[in-house]
Amino acid sequence: MIERSVETISNLERGTSLPNEATLRRLAKSLEVPIEDLLVERSSGAGSRSMEFFQATELLKMMDEKQLKLAYNILKLIANG
């Protein structure tokens, strides 16, 4: 229904990869849910993960090793306040 390979869907289901925007839109349409429902992780007491979490993950994938280390150190500083 979403015109993706069995391998791609398997990777999404297992959490080994994240869908791109086109795949997210197709998933939302096929499941008849708002795209936001696919982007927000709901779990007991853990809060939620928003579109920014997804977008940050996509940005991290594009970074080289030096950029990734810098981004990690910046996030660590922010998290530790």
Protein backbone atom coordinates (compact mmCIF):
# COMPACT_ATOMS: atom_id res chain seq x y z
CA MET A 1 0.00 0.00 0.00
CA ILE A 2 2.88 2.41 0.64
CA GLU A 3 4.99 1.28 -2.32
CA ARG A 4 8.04 0.31 -0.27
CA SER A 5 10.01 -2.93 -0.26
CA VAL A 6 9.42 -5.68 2.27
CA GLU A 7 12.94 -5.03 3.58
CA THR A 8 12.23 -1.33 4.09
CA ILE A 9 9.00 -2.06 5.96
CA SER A 10 10.77 -4.67 8.08
CA ASN A 11 13.48 -2.13 8.99
CA LEU A 12 10.83 0.40 9.97
CA GLU A 13 8.96 -2.12 12.09
CA ARG A 14 12.13 -3.20 13.89
CA GLY A 15 13.27 0.36 14.39
CA THR A 16 16.52 -0.13 12.52
CA SER A 17 15.74 2.77 10.19
CA LEU A 18 13.47 5.77 10.13
CA PRO A 19 11.10 6.62 7.30
CA ASN A 20 11.67 9.63 5.11
CA GLU A 21 8.96 12.25 4.74
CA ALA A 22 7.38 10.62 1.67
CA THR A 23 7.13 7.27 3.45
CA LEU A 24 5.65 8.92 6.53
CA ARG A 25 2.98 10.57 4.41
CA ARG A 26 2.15 7.27 2.70
CA LEU A 27 1.99 5.45 6.03
CA ALA A 28 -0.32 8.08 7.51
CA LYS A 29 -2.59 7.96 4.48
CA SER A 30 -2.69 4.14 4.44
CA LEU A 31 -3.39 3.95 8.16
CA GLU A 32 -5.88 6.83 7.94
CA VAL A 33 -4.23 8.72 10.80
CA PRO A 34 -2.73 12.19 11.03
CA ILE A 35 0.99 12.20 10.29
CA GLU A 36 1.55 13.65 13.78
CA ASP A 37 0.34 10.36 15.28
CA LEU A 38 3.30 8.64 13.61
CA LEU A 39 5.78 11.24 14.83
CA VAL A 40 4.90 11.40 18.51
CA GLU A 41 6.11 8.56 20.70
CA ARG A 42 3.73 7.99 23.56
CA SER A 43 4.93 5.95 26.49
CA SER A 44 4.10 5.83 30.16
CA GLY A 45 5.86 8.60 32.01
CA ALA A 46 8.46 9.19 29.32
CA GLY A 47 6.80 12.20 27.71
CA SER A 48 6.67 12.41 23.96
CA ARG A 49 9.03 12.66 21.02
CA SER A 50 8.05 15.28 18.49
CA MET A 51 8.79 16.07 14.89
CA GLU A 52 11.96 17.79 16.08
CA PHE A 53 13.25 14.46 17.42
CA PHE A 54 12.71 12.86 14.02
CA GLN A 55 14.30 15.79 12.20
CA ALA A 56 17.31 15.82 14.55
CA THR A 57 17.85 12.13 13.88
CA GLU A 58 17.79 12.76 10.15
CA LEU A 59 20.35 15.56 10.54
CA LEU A 60 22.63 13.33 12.60
CA LYS A 61 22.61 10.73 9.83
CA MET A 62 24.04 13.29 7.39
CA MET A 63 27.00 14.28 9.59
CA ASP A 64 30.57 13.09 9.29
CA GLU A 65 32.35 11.72 12.36
CA LYS A 66 33.77 15.10 13.46
CA GLN A 67 30.39 16.83 13.17
CA LEU A 68 28.68 13.96 15.00
CA LYS A 69 31.09 14.20 17.94
CA LEU A 70 30.55 17.96 18.15
CA ALA A 71 26.76 17.56 18.01
CA TYR A 72 26.92 14.90 20.72
CA ASN A 73 28.97 17.14 23.01
CA ILE A 74 26.59 20.05 22.47
CA LEU A 75 23.55 17.86 23.22
CA LYS A 76 25.27 16.47 26.31
CA LEU A 77 25.87 20.00 27.61
CA ILE A 78 22.25 20.97 26.97
CA ALA A 79 20.90 17.80 28.61
CA ASN A 80 23.02 18.29 31.70
CA GLY A 81 21.90 21.90 31.97
